[in-house]
Amino acid sequence: MHPSVLSAVQIAVTLALVAWMITGFTHLPGRWLRWKMFCRANFTIVTLTGTKDGRAEPVNVYDYLSPGSFILGPPQLQAILSYLTRNDHYDRVDGHGRLLNAAGERSIEVRDSRVVL
């Protein structure tokens, strides 16, 4: 086969593969996480404030996840909040954020150490 024909075929196959990969992200509904690998995942992005003895400070819940973990759904967030209040790290934790999944995004709140969707 002539080298220029082979090059044209490689370019065409590469472009077709790239187009297929790009459209693979848009089949599921919602704005976020459309790729099928993420279709069952829930991601929580929250800003939290912990109060202890009348003093407030920011809380980073990712400090309490196991190393390498980044998926934080509402049940995991509630477990961390329960741990923080049960072990006297804070009297209460409050905050707000977003829950992202294949269906889209929605608001999430933390009131008095309870996750409210």
PDB file of N, CA and C in Angstrom:
ATOM      1  N   MET A   1       0.852  -1.175   0.000  1.00  0.00           N
ATOM      2  CA  MET A   1       0.000   0.000   0.000  1.00  0.00           C
ATOM      3  C   MET A   1       0.898   1.237   0.000  1.00  0.00           C
ATOM      4  N   HIS A   2       0.470   2.244  -0.678  1.00  0.00           N
ATOM      5  CA  HIS A   2       1.233   3.486  -0.798  1.00  0.00           C
ATOM      6  C   HIS A   2       1.254   4.192   0.562  1.00  0.00           C
ATOM      7  N   PRO A   3       2.396   4.761   0.960  1.00  0.00           N
ATOM      8  CA  PRO A   3       2.495   5.405   2.283  1.00  0.00           C
ATOM      9  C   PRO A   3       1.489   6.527   2.515  1.00  0.00           C
ATOM     10  N   SER A   4       1.138   7.311   1.509  1.00  0.00           N
ATOM     11  CA  SER A   4       0.176   8.397   1.709  1.00  0.00           C
ATOM     12  C   SER A   4      -1.229   7.861   1.938  1.00  0.00           C
ATOM     13  N   VAL A   5      -1.575   6.721   1.343  1.00  0.00           N
ATOM     14  CA  VAL A   5      -2.890   6.106   1.564  1.00  0.00           C
ATOM     15  C   VAL A   5      -2.970   5.584   2.996  1.00  0.00           C
ATOM     16  N   LEU A   6      -1.898   4.942   3.447  1.00  0.00           N
ATOM     17  CA  LEU A   6      -1.859   4.450   4.820  1.00  0.00           C
ATOM     18  C   LEU A   6      -1.990   5.604   5.808  1.00  0.00           C
ATOM     19  N   SER A   7      -1.317   6.685   5.538  1.00  0.00           N
ATOM     20  CA  SER A   7      -1.406   7.849   6.405  1.00  0.00           C
ATOM     21  C   SER A   7      -2.826   8.417   6.429  1.00  0.00           C
ATOM     22  N   ALA A   8      -3.473   8.488   5.289  1.00  0.00           N
ATOM     23  CA  ALA A   8      -4.850   8.988   5.220  1.00  0.00           C
ATOM     24  C   ALA A   8      -5.802   8.069   5.975  1.00  0.00           C
ATOM     25  N   VAL A   9      -5.596   6.766   5.885  1.00  0.00           N
ATOM     26  CA  VAL A   9      -6.436   5.807   6.611  1.00  0.00           C
ATOM     27  C   VAL A   9      -6.212   5.955   8.119  1.00  0.00           C
ATOM     28  N   GLN A  10      -4.974   6.104   8.533  1.00  0.00           N
ATOM     29  CA  GLN A  10      -4.690   6.289   9.959  1.00  0.00           C
ATOM     30  C   GLN A  10      -5.333   7.553  10.500  1.00  0.00           C
ATOM     31  N   ILE A  11      -5.281   8.615   9.737  1.00  0.00           N
ATOM     32  CA  ILE A  11      -5.898   9.872  10.160  1.00  0.00           C
ATOM     33  C   ILE A  11      -7.410   9.718  10.259  1.00  0.00           C
ATOM     34  N   ALA A  12      -8.019   9.061   9.273  1.00  0.00           N
ATOM     35  CA  ALA A  12      -9.469   8.870   9.280  1.00  0.00           C
ATOM     36  C   ALA A  12      -9.900   8.006  10.460  1.00  0.00           C
ATOM     37  N   VAL A  13      -9.168   6.927  10.732  1.00  0.00           N
ATOM     38  CA  VAL A  13      -9.512   6.056  11.853  1.00  0.00           C
ATOM     39  C   VAL A  13      -9.319   6.795  13.177  1.00  0.00           C
ATOM     40  N   THR A  14      -8.273   7.566  13.296  1.00  0.00           N
ATOM     41  CA  THR A  14      -8.028   8.343  14.516  1.00  0.00           C
ATOM     42  C   THR A  14      -9.140   9.355  14.756  1.00  0.00           C
ATOM     43  N   LEU A  15      -9.550  10.076  13.722  1.00  0.00           N
ATOM     44  CA  LEU A  15     -10.630  11.051  13.860  1.00  0.00           C
ATOM     45  C   LEU A  15     -11.945  10.371  14.223  1.00  0.00           C
ATOM     46  N   ALA A  16     -12.213   9.206  13.610  1.00  0.00           N
ATOM     47  CA  ALA A  16     -13.441   8.471  13.937  1.00  0.00           C
ATOM     48  C   ALA A  16     -13.419   8.008  15.392  1.00  0.00           C
ATOM     49  N   LEU A  17     -12.270   7.535  15.868  1.00  0.00           N
ATOM     50  CA  LEU A  17     -12.151   7.100  17.253  1.00  0.00           C
ATOM     51  C   LEU A  17     -12.324   8.263  18.227  1.00  0.00           C
ATOM     52  N   VAL A  18     -11.734   9.393  17.940  1.00  0.00           N
ATOM     53  CA  VAL A  18     -11.885  10.577  18.787  1.00  0.00           C
ATOM     54  C   VAL A  18     -13.339  11.034  18.818  1.00  0.00           C
ATOM     55  N   ALA A  19     -14.010  11.061  17.674  1.00  0.00           N
ATOM     56  CA  ALA A  19     -15.427  11.454  17.620  1.00  0.00           C
ATOM     57  C   ALA A  19     -16.280  10.483  18.422  1.00  0.00           C
ATOM     58  N   TRP A  20     -15.998   9.200  18.332  1.00  0.00           N
ATOM     59  CA  TRP A  20     -16.761   8.195  19.077  1.00  0.00           C
ATOM     60  C   TRP A  20     -16.556   8.375  20.586  1.00  0.00           C
ATOM     61  N   MET A  21     -15.327   8.669  20.991  1.00  0.00           N
ATOM     62  CA  MET A  21     -15.048   8.874  22.411  1.00  0.00           C
ATOM     63  C   MET A  21     -15.740  10.132  22.937  1.00  0.00           C
ATOM     64  N   ILE A  22     -15.760  11.189  22.161  1.00  0.00           N
ATOM     65  CA  ILE A  22     -16.415  12.428  22.590  1.00  0.00           C
ATOM     66  C   ILE A  22     -17.916  12.222  22.719  1.00  0.00           C
ATOM     67  N   THR A  23     -18.546  11.562  21.778  1.00  0.00           N
ATOM     68  CA  THR A  23     -19.995  11.348  21.853  1.00  0.00           C
ATOM     69  C   THR A  23     -20.350  10.346  22.941  1.00  0.00           C
ATOM     70  N   GLY A  24     -19.409   9.509  23.357  1.00  0.00           N
ATOM     71  CA  GLY A  24     -19.672   8.567  24.445  1.00  0.00           C
ATOM     72  C   GLY A  24     -19.959   9.255  25.761  1.00  0.00           C
ATOM     73  N   PHE A  25     -19.538  10.494  25.924  1.00  0.00           N
ATOM     74  CA  PHE A  25     -19.786  11.250  27.151  1.00  0.00           C
ATOM     75  C   PHE A  25     -21.162  11.909  27.172  1.00  0.00           C
ATOM     76  N   THR A  26     -21.905  11.874  26.087  1.00  0.00           N
ATOM     77  CA  THR A  26     -23.138  12.654  26.020  1.00  0.00           C
ATOM     78  C   THR A  26     -24.406  11.815  25.943  1.00  0.00           C
ATOM     79  N   HIS A  27     -24.338  10.504  26.131  1.00  0.00           N
ATOM     80  CA  HIS A  27     -25.538   9.677  25.993  1.00  0.00           C
ATOM     81  C   HIS A  27     -26.473   9.735  27.194  1.00  0.00           C
ATOM     82  N   LEU A  28     -25.947   9.881  28.376  1.00  0.00           N
ATOM     83  CA  LEU A  28     -26.788   9.886  29.563  1.00  0.00           C
ATOM     84  C   LEU A  28     -27.307  11.296  29.844  1.00  0.00           C
ATOM     85  N   PRO A  29     -28.474  11.409  30.511  1.00  0.00           N
ATOM     86  CA  PRO A  29     -29.004  12.739  30.822  1.00  0.00           C
ATOM     87  C   PRO A  29     -28.166  13.429  31.880  1.00  0.00           C
ATOM     88  N   GLY A  30     -28.353  14.732  31.979  1.00  0.00           N
ATOM     89  CA  GLY A  30     -27.652  15.489  32.999  1.00  0.00           C
ATOM     90  C   GLY A  30     -26.451  16.206  32.431  1.00  0.00           C
ATOM     91  N   ARG A  31     -25.988  17.187  33.188  1.00  0.00           N
ATOM     92  CA  ARG A  31     -24.872  17.999  32.730  1.00  0.00           C
ATOM     93  C   ARG A  31     -23.533  17.419  33.151  1.00  0.00           C
ATOM     94  N   TRP A  32     -23.491  16.722  34.255  1.00  0.00           N
ATOM     95  CA  TRP A  32     -22.235  16.220  34.800  1.00  0.00           C
ATOM     96  C   TRP A  32     -22.151  14.714  34.650  1.00  0.00           C
ATOM     97  N   LEU A  33     -20.970  14.199  34.544  1.00  0.00           N
ATOM     98  CA  LEU A  33     -20.686  12.769  34.650  1.00  0.00           C
ATOM     99  C   LEU A  33     -21.501  11.925  33.677  1.00  0.00           C
ATOM    100  N   ARG A  34     -21.462  12.247  32.430  1.00  0.00           N
ATOM    101  CA  ARG A  34     -22.264  11.541  31.445  1.00  0.00           C
ATOM    102  C   ARG A  34     -21.628  10.233  30.994  1.00  0.00           C
ATOM    103  N   TRP A  35     -20.380  10.027  31.273  1.00  0.00           N
ATOM    104  CA  TRP A  35     -19.720   8.816  30.845  1.00  0.00           C
ATOM    105  C   TRP A  35     -20.279   7.641  31.628  1.00  0.00           C
ATOM    106  N   LYS A  36     -20.458   6.501  30.984  1.00  0.00           N
ATOM    107  CA  LYS A  36     -21.099   5.359  31.617  1.00  0.00           C
ATOM    108  C   LYS A  36     -20.374   4.876  32.868  1.00  0.00           C
ATOM    109  N   MET A  37     -19.071   5.086  32.932  1.00  0.00           N
ATOM    110  CA  MET A  37     -18.325   4.660  34.110  1.00  0.00           C
ATOM    111  C   MET A  37     -18.822   5.375  35.369  1.00  0.00           C
ATOM    112  N   PHE A  38     -19.310   6.595  35.232  1.00  0.00           N
ATOM    113  CA  PHE A  38     -19.745   7.393  36.378  1.00  0.00           C
ATOM    114  C   PHE A  38     -21.261   7.379  36.593  1.00  0.00           C
ATOM    115  N   CYS A  39     -22.013   6.584  35.848  1.00  0.00           N
ATOM    116  CA  CYS A  39     -23.465   6.713  35.874  1.00  0.00           C
ATOM    117  C   CYS A  39     -24.088   6.379  37.222  1.00  0.00           C
ATOM    118  N   ARG A  40     -23.407   5.651  38.079  1.00  0.00           N
ATOM    119  CA  ARG A  40     -23.964   5.326  39.389  1.00  0.00           C
ATOM    120  C   ARG A  40     -23.265   6.043  40.527  1.00  0.00           C
ATOM    121  N   ALA A  41     -22.319   6.871  40.222  1.00  0.00           N
ATOM    122  CA  ALA A  41     -21.546   7.558  41.256  1.00  0.00           C
ATOM    123  C   ALA A  41     -22.246   8.839  41.695  1.00  0.00           C
ATOM    124  N   ASN A  42     -22.110   9.154  42.956  1.00  0.00           N
ATOM    125  CA  ASN A  42     -22.580  10.420  43.523  1.00  0.00           C
ATOM    126  C   ASN A  42     -21.375  11.159  44.068  1.00  0.00           C
ATOM    127  N   PHE A  43     -21.222  12.389  43.660  1.00  0.00           N
ATOM    128  CA  PHE A  43     -20.128  13.223  44.137  1.00  0.00           C
ATOM    129  C   PHE A  43     -20.719  14.395  44.900  1.00  0.00           C
ATOM    130  N   THR A  44     -20.186  14.666  46.055  1.00  0.00           N
ATOM    131  CA  THR A  44     -20.664  15.762  46.884  1.00  0.00           C
ATOM    132  C   THR A  44     -19.552  16.794  47.026  1.00  0.00           C
ATOM    133  N   ILE A  45     -19.890  18.031  46.719  1.00  0.00           N
ATOM    134  CA  ILE A  45     -18.961  19.141  46.905  1.00  0.00           C
ATOM    135  C   ILE A  45     -19.602  20.062  47.930  1.00  0.00           C
ATOM    136  N   VAL A  46     -19.003  20.142  49.112  1.00  0.00           N
ATOM    137  CA  VAL A  46     -19.621  20.910  50.195  1.00  0.00           C
ATOM    138  C   VAL A  46     -18.624  21.850  50.861  1.00  0.00           C
ATOM    139  N   THR A  47     -19.164  22.911  51.401  1.00  0.00           N
ATOM    140  CA  THR A  47     -18.419  23.845  52.237  1.00  0.00           C
ATOM    141  C   THR A  47     -19.019  23.737  53.629  1.00  0.00           C
ATOM    142  N   LEU A  48     -18.217  23.303  54.579  1.00  0.00           N
ATOM    143  CA  LEU A  48     -18.726  23.050  55.927  1.00  0.00           C
ATOM    144  C   LEU A  48     -18.020  23.923  56.952  1.00  0.00           C
ATOM    145  N   THR A  49     -18.775  24.242  58.009  1.00  0.00           N
ATOM    146  CA  THR A  49     -18.245  24.994  59.141  1.00  0.00           C
ATOM    147  C   THR A  49     -18.587  24.226  60.409  1.00  0.00           C
ATOM    148  N   GLY A  50     -17.564  23.907  61.173  1.00  0.00           N
ATOM    149  CA  GLY A  50     -17.769  23.209  62.433  1.00  0.00           C
ATOM    150  C   GLY A  50     -17.716  24.192  63.587  1.00  0.00           C
ATOM    151  N   THR A  51     -18.591  23.995  64.567  1.00  0.00           N
ATOM    152  CA  THR A  51     -18.645  24.870  65.737  1.00  0.00           C
ATOM    153  C   THR A  51     -18.314  24.058  66.985  1.00  0.00           C
ATOM    154  N   LYS A  52     -17.359  24.540  67.751  1.00  0.00           N
ATOM    155  CA  LYS A  52     -16.966  23.904  69.005  1.00  0.00           C
ATOM    156  C   LYS A  52     -16.771  24.999  70.044  1.00  0.00           C
ATOM    157  N   ASP A  53     -17.532  24.930  71.125  1.00  0.00           N
ATOM    158  CA  ASP A  53     -17.455  25.902  72.215  1.00  0.00           C
ATOM    159  C   ASP A  53     -17.640  27.335  71.714  1.00  0.00           C
ATOM    160  N   GLY A  54     -18.539  27.532  70.776  1.00  0.00           N
ATOM    161  CA  GLY A  54     -18.846  28.861  70.265  1.00  0.00           C
ATOM    162  C   GLY A  54     -17.898  29.373  69.199  1.00  0.00           C
ATOM    163  N   ARG A  55     -16.832  28.636  68.898  1.00  0.00           N
ATOM    164  CA  ARG A  55     -15.891  29.048  67.850  1.00  0.00           C
ATOM    165  C   ARG A  55     -16.134  28.234  66.596  1.00  0.00           C
ATOM    166  N   ALA A  56     -16.166  28.928  65.455  1.00  0.00           N
ATOM    167  CA  ALA A  56     -16.417  28.264  64.171  1.00  0.00           C
ATOM    168  C   ALA A  56     -15.119  28.170  63.369  1.00  0.00           C
ATOM    169  N   GLU A  57     -14.980  27.064  62.647  1.00  0.00           N
ATOM    170  CA  GLU A  57     -13.825  26.884  61.769  1.00  0.00           C
ATOM    171  C   GLU A  57     -14.238  26.010  60.583  1.00  0.00           C
ATOM    172  N   PRO A  58     -13.559  26.160  59.443  1.00  0.00           N
ATOM    173  CA  PRO A  58     -13.900  25.349  58.278  1.00  0.00           C
ATOM    174  C   PRO A  58     -13.546  23.874  58.514  1.00  0.00           C
ATOM    175  N   VAL A  59     -14.343  22.999  57.910  1.00  0.00           N
ATOM    176  CA  VAL A  59     -14.142  21.559  58.029  1.00  0.00           C
ATOM    177  C   VAL A  59     -13.872  20.993  56.643  1.00  0.00           C
ATOM    178  N   ASN A  60     -12.792  20.236  56.516  1.00  0.00           N
ATOM    179  CA  ASN A  60     -12.476  19.558  55.264  1.00  0.00           C
ATOM    180  C   ASN A  60     -12.805  18.079  55.440  1.00  0.00           C
ATOM    181  N   VAL A  61     -13.931  17.637  54.869  1.00  0.00           N
ATOM    182  CA  VAL A  61     -14.351  16.244  55.050  1.00  0.00           C
ATOM    183  C   VAL A  61     -13.421  15.275  54.346  1.00  0.00           C
ATOM    184  N   TYR A  62     -12.693  15.737  53.342  1.00  0.00           N
ATOM    185  CA  TYR A  62     -11.795  14.846  52.619  1.00  0.00           C
ATOM    186  C   TYR A  62     -10.607  14.405  53.471  1.00  0.00           C
ATOM    187  N   ASP A  63     -10.337  15.107  54.562  1.00  0.00           N
ATOM    188  CA  ASP A  63      -9.309  14.668  55.492  1.00  0.00           C
ATOM    189  C   ASP A  63      -9.709  13.372  56.193  1.00  0.00           C
ATOM    190  N   TYR A  64     -10.994  13.054  56.209  1.00  0.00           N
ATOM    191  CA  TYR A  64     -11.499  11.897  56.922  1.00  0.00           C
ATOM    192  C   TYR A  64     -11.811  10.721  56.008  1.00  0.00           C
ATOM    193  N   LEU A  65     -11.566  10.853  54.719  1.00  0.00           N
ATOM    194  CA  LEU A  65     -11.740   9.736  53.787  1.00  0.00           C
ATOM    195  C   LEU A  65     -10.477   8.889  53.765  1.00  0.00           C
ATOM    196  N   SER A  66     -10.630   7.642  53.365  1.00  0.00           N
ATOM    197  CA  SER A  66      -9.450   6.796  53.257  1.00  0.00           C
ATOM    198  C   SER A  66      -8.565   7.295  52.113  1.00  0.00           C
ATOM    199  N   PRO A  67      -7.259   7.067  52.193  1.00  0.00           N
ATOM    200  CA  PRO A  67      -6.345   7.558  51.151  1.00  0.00           C
ATOM    201  C   PRO A  67      -6.753   7.053  49.755  1.00  0.00           C
ATOM    202  N   GLY A  68      -6.753   7.952  48.800  1.00  0.00           N
ATOM    203  CA  GLY A  68      -7.113   7.610  47.434  1.00  0.00           C
ATOM    204  C   GLY A  68      -8.589   7.742  47.136  1.00  0.00           C
ATOM    205  N   SER A  69      -9.421   7.943  48.144  1.00  0.00           N
ATOM    206  CA  SER A  69     -10.866   8.084  47.928  1.00  0.00           C
ATOM    207  C   SER A  69     -11.192   9.519  47.550  1.00  0.00           C
ATOM    208  N   PHE A  70     -12.129   9.673  46.639  1.00  0.00           N
ATOM    209  CA  PHE A  70     -12.591  11.002  46.279  1.00  0.00           C
ATOM    210  C   PHE A  70     -14.095  11.029  46.075  1.00  0.00           C
ATOM    211  N   ILE A  71     -14.738   9.869  46.033  1.00  0.00           N
ATOM    212  CA  ILE A  71     -16.192   9.826  45.859  1.00  0.00           C
ATOM    213  C   ILE A  71     -16.836   9.938  47.232  1.00  0.00           C
ATOM    214  N   LEU A  72     -17.605  10.976  47.390  1.00  0.00           N
ATOM    215  CA  LEU A  72     -18.251  11.244  48.678  1.00  0.00           C
ATOM    216  C   LEU A  72     -19.733  11.458  48.429  1.00  0.00           C
ATOM    217  N   GLY A  73     -20.530  10.442  48.683  1.00  0.00           N
ATOM    218  CA  GLY A  73     -21.977  10.547  48.549  1.00  0.00           C
ATOM    219  C   GLY A  73     -22.601  10.969  49.859  1.00  0.00           C
ATOM    220  N   PRO A  74     -23.907  11.232  49.869  1.00  0.00           N
ATOM    221  CA  PRO A  74     -24.582  11.640  51.103  1.00  0.00           C
ATOM    222  C   PRO A  74     -24.424  10.658  52.267  1.00  0.00           C
ATOM    223  N   PRO A  75     -24.512   9.327  52.063  1.00  0.00           N
ATOM    224  CA  PRO A  75     -24.326   8.435  53.222  1.00  0.00           C
ATOM    225  C   PRO A  75     -22.925   8.531  53.828  1.00  0.00           C
ATOM    226  N   GLN A  76     -21.905   8.639  52.980  1.00  0.00           N
ATOM    227  CA  GLN A  76     -20.543   8.767  53.490  1.00  0.00           C
ATOM    228  C   GLN A  76     -20.352  10.106  54.207  1.00  0.00           C
ATOM    229  N   LEU A  77     -20.945  11.162  53.650  1.00  0.00           N
ATOM    230  CA  LEU A  77     -20.870  12.471  54.293  1.00  0.00           C
ATOM    231  C   LEU A  77     -21.535  12.426  55.665  1.00  0.00           C
ATOM    232  N   GLN A  78     -22.701  11.775  55.767  1.00  0.00           N
ATOM    233  CA  GLN A  78     -23.391  11.676  57.048  1.00  0.00           C
ATOM    234  C   GLN A  78     -22.573  10.872  58.047  1.00  0.00           C
ATOM    235  N   ALA A  79     -21.904   9.831  57.589  1.00  0.00           N
ATOM    236  CA  ALA A  79     -21.063   9.029  58.481  1.00  0.00           C
ATOM    237  C   ALA A  79     -19.911   9.867  59.040  1.00  0.00           C
ATOM    238  N   ILE A  80     -19.295  10.685  58.206  1.00  0.00           N
ATOM    239  CA  ILE A  80     -18.208  11.546  58.672  1.00  0.00           C
ATOM    240  C   ILE A  80     -18.730  12.585  59.657  1.00  0.00           C
ATOM    241  N   LEU A  81     -19.888  13.180  59.365  1.00  0.00           N
ATOM    242  CA  LEU A  81     -20.474  14.164  60.278  1.00  0.00           C
ATOM    243  C   LEU A  81     -20.801  13.534  61.628  1.00  0.00           C
ATOM    244  N   SER A  82     -21.346  12.329  61.604  1.00  0.00           N
ATOM    245  CA  SER A  82     -21.649  11.629  62.862  1.00  0.00           C
ATOM    246  C   SER A  82     -20.377  11.360  63.653  1.00  0.00           C
ATOM    247  N   TYR A  83     -19.325  10.956  62.967  1.00  0.00           N
ATOM    248  CA  TYR A  83     -18.040  10.733  63.626  1.00  0.00           C
ATOM    249  C   TYR A  83     -17.526  12.018  64.277  1.00  0.00           C
ATOM    250  N   LEU A  84     -17.593  13.128  63.548  1.00  0.00           N
ATOM    251  CA  LEU A  84     -17.066  14.398  64.062  1.00  0.00           C
ATOM    252  C   LEU A  84     -17.817  14.884  65.289  1.00  0.00           C
ATOM    253  N   THR A  85     -19.119  14.698  65.315  1.00  0.00           N
ATOM    254  CA  THR A  85     -19.895  15.170  66.467  1.00  0.00           C
ATOM    255  C   THR A  85     -19.865  14.166  67.613  1.00  0.00           C
ATOM    256  N   ARG A  86     -19.847  12.884  67.293  1.00  0.00           N
ATOM    257  CA  ARG A  86     -19.831  11.857  68.333  1.00  0.00           C
ATOM    258  C   ARG A  86     -18.505  11.845  69.098  1.00  0.00           C
ATOM    259  N   ASN A  87     -17.408  12.139  68.428  1.00  0.00           N
ATOM    260  CA  ASN A  87     -16.091  12.121  69.066  1.00  0.00           C
ATOM    261  C   ASN A  87     -15.635  13.498  69.535  1.00  0.00           C
ATOM    262  N   ASP A  88     -16.570  14.419  69.704  1.00  0.00           N
ATOM    263  CA  ASP A  88     -16.317  15.750  70.271  1.00  0.00           C
ATOM    264  C   ASP A  88     -15.313  16.594  69.499  1.00  0.00           C
ATOM    265  N   HIS A  89     -15.197  16.365  68.195  1.00  0.00           N
ATOM    266  CA  HIS A  89     -14.408  17.289  67.385  1.00  0.00           C
ATOM    267  C   HIS A  89     -15.158  18.622  67.262  1.00  0.00           C
ATOM    268  N   TYR A  90     -16.495  18.511  67.095  1.00  0.00           N
ATOM    269  CA  TYR A  90     -17.351  19.696  66.953  1.00  0.00           C
ATOM    270  C   TYR A  90     -18.670  19.436  67.656  1.00  0.00           C
ATOM    271  N   ASP A  91     -19.294  20.533  68.125  1.00  0.00           N
ATOM    272  CA  ASP A  91     -20.630  20.426  68.697  1.00  0.00           C
ATOM    273  C   ASP A  91     -21.667  20.258  67.592  1.00  0.00           C
ATOM    274  N   ARG A  92     -21.439  20.952  66.492  1.00  0.00           N
ATOM    275  CA  ARG A  92     -22.336  20.866  65.331  1.00  0.00           C
ATOM    276  C   ARG A  92     -21.574  21.256  64.082  1.00  0.00           C
ATOM    277  N   VAL A  93     -22.063  20.793  62.937  1.00  0.00           N
ATOM    278  CA  VAL A  93     -21.476  21.122  61.643  1.00  0.00           C
ATOM    279  C   VAL A  93     -22.608  21.586  60.734  1.00  0.00           C
ATOM    280  N   ASP A  94     -22.380  22.698  60.049  1.00  0.00           N
ATOM    281  CA  ASP A  94     -23.358  23.245  59.119  1.00  0.00           C
ATOM    282  C   ASP A  94     -22.663  23.558  57.795  1.00  0.00           C
ATOM    283  N   GLY A  95     -23.446  23.606  56.718  1.00  0.00           N
ATOM    284  CA  GLY A  95     -22.861  23.964  55.436  1.00  0.00           C
ATOM    285  C   GLY A  95     -23.822  23.764  54.281  1.00  0.00           C
ATOM    286  N   HIS A  96     -23.284  23.919  53.084  1.00  0.00           N
ATOM    287  CA  HIS A  96     -24.088  23.775  51.871  1.00  0.00           C
ATOM    288  C   HIS A  96     -23.173  23.323  50.733  1.00  0.00           C
ATOM    289  N   GLY A  97     -23.798  22.838  49.670  1.00  0.00           N
ATOM    290  CA  GLY A  97     -23.008  22.407  48.523  1.00  0.00           C
ATOM    291  C   GLY A  97     -23.874  21.836  47.423  1.00  0.00           C
ATOM    292  N   ARG A  98     -23.265  20.989  46.579  1.00  0.00           N
ATOM    293  CA  ARG A  98     -23.929  20.402  45.428  1.00  0.00           C
ATOM    294  C   ARG A  98     -23.719  18.898  45.434  1.00  0.00           C
ATOM    295  N   LEU A  99     -24.739  18.164  45.008  1.00  0.00           N
ATOM    296  CA  LEU A  99     -24.654  16.724  44.794  1.00  0.00           C
ATOM    297  C   LEU A  99     -24.671  16.510  43.292  1.00  0.00           C
ATOM    298  N   LEU A 100     -23.638  15.883  42.753  1.00  0.00           N
ATOM    299  CA  LEU A 100     -23.506  15.657  41.315  1.00  0.00           C
ATOM    300  C   LEU A 100     -23.623  14.170  41.025  1.00  0.00           C
ATOM    301  N   ASN A 101     -24.455  13.828  40.034  1.00  0.00           N
ATOM    302  CA  ASN A 101     -24.547  12.451  39.562  1.00  0.00           C
ATOM    303  C   ASN A 101     -25.023  12.454  38.115  1.00  0.00           C
ATOM    304  N   ALA A 102     -25.283  11.285  37.553  1.00  0.00           N
ATOM    305  CA  ALA A 102     -25.649  11.191  36.144  1.00  0.00           C
ATOM    306  C   ALA A 102     -26.971  11.893  35.846  1.00  0.00           C
ATOM    307  N   ALA A 103     -27.842  12.032  36.817  1.00  0.00           N
ATOM    308  CA  ALA A 103     -29.129  12.691  36.612  1.00  0.00           C
ATOM    309  C   ALA A 103     -29.018  14.209  36.642  1.00  0.00           C
ATOM    310  N   GLY A 104     -27.857  14.724  36.967  1.00  0.00           N
ATOM    311  CA  GLY A 104     -27.666  16.169  37.026  1.00  0.00           C
ATOM    312  C   GLY A 104     -27.089  16.586  38.361  1.00  0.00           C
ATOM    313  N   GLU A 105     -27.443  17.763  38.787  1.00  0.00           N
ATOM    314  CA  GLU A 105     -26.949  18.264  40.062  1.00  0.00           C
ATOM    315  C   GLU A 105     -28.097  18.851  40.859  1.00  0.00           C
ATOM    316  N   ARG A 106     -27.950  18.804  42.175  1.00  0.00           N
ATOM    317  CA  ARG A 106     -28.961  19.382  43.058  1.00  0.00           C
ATOM    318  C   ARG A 106     -28.288  19.913  44.305  1.00  0.00           C
ATOM    319  N   SER A 107     -29.008  20.755  44.999  1.00  0.00           N
ATOM    320  CA  SER A 107     -28.469  21.363  46.224  1.00  0.00           C
ATOM    321  C   SER A 107     -28.453  20.351  47.356  1.00  0.00           C
ATOM    322  N   ILE A 108     -27.493  20.525  48.226  1.00  0.00           N
ATOM    323  CA  ILE A 108     -27.410  19.712  49.431  1.00  0.00           C
ATOM    324  C   ILE A 108     -27.055  20.658  50.575  1.00  0.00           C
ATOM    325  N   GLU A 109     -27.655  20.428  51.726  1.00  0.00           N
ATOM    326  CA  GLU A 109     -27.363  21.252  52.896  1.00  0.00           C
ATOM    327  C   GLU A 109     -27.013  20.360  54.069  1.00  0.00           C
ATOM    328  N   VAL A 110     -26.221  20.907  54.961  1.00  0.00           N
ATOM    329  CA  VAL A 110     -25.926  20.251  56.227  1.00  0.00           C
ATOM    330  C   VAL A 110     -26.402  21.204  57.306  1.00  0.00           C
ATOM    331  N   ARG A 111     -27.413  20.757  58.075  1.00  0.00           N
ATOM    332  CA  ARG A 111     -27.982  21.563  59.160  1.00  0.00           C
ATOM    333  C   ARG A 111     -27.881  20.773  60.448  1.00  0.00           C
ATOM    334  N   ASP A 112     -27.236  21.363  61.415  1.00  0.00           N
ATOM    335  CA  ASP A 112     -27.078  20.729  62.725  1.00  0.00           C
ATOM    336  C   ASP A 112     -26.543  19.307  62.581  1.00  0.00           C
ATOM    337  N   SER A 113     -25.511  19.136  61.758  1.00  0.00           N
ATOM    338  CA  SER A 113     -24.803  17.873  61.543  1.00  0.00           C
ATOM    339  C   SER A 113     -25.645  16.812  60.848  1.00  0.00           C
ATOM    340  N   ARG A 114     -26.673  17.200  60.124  1.00  0.00           N
ATOM    341  CA  ARG A 114     -27.516  16.271  59.364  1.00  0.00           C
ATOM    342  C   ARG A 114     -27.533  16.678  57.896  1.00  0.00           C
ATOM    343  N   VAL A 115     -27.382  15.699  57.013  1.00  0.00           N
ATOM    344  CA  VAL A 115     -27.417  15.948  55.570  1.00  0.00           C
ATOM    345  C   VAL A 115     -28.875  16.080  55.138  1.00  0.00           C
ATOM    346  N   VAL A 116     -29.186  17.180  54.439  1.00  0.00           N
ATOM    347  CA  VAL A 116     -30.540  17.432  53.944  1.00  0.00           C
ATOM    348  C   VAL A 116     -30.463  17.604  52.437  1.00  0.00           C
ATOM    349  N   LEU A 117     -31.167  16.752  51.713  1.00  0.00           N
ATOM    350  CA  LEU A 117     -31.178  16.857  50.238  1.00  0.00           C
ATOM    351  C   LEU A 117     -32.312  17.731  49.770  1.00  0.00           C
TER     352      LEU A 117
END
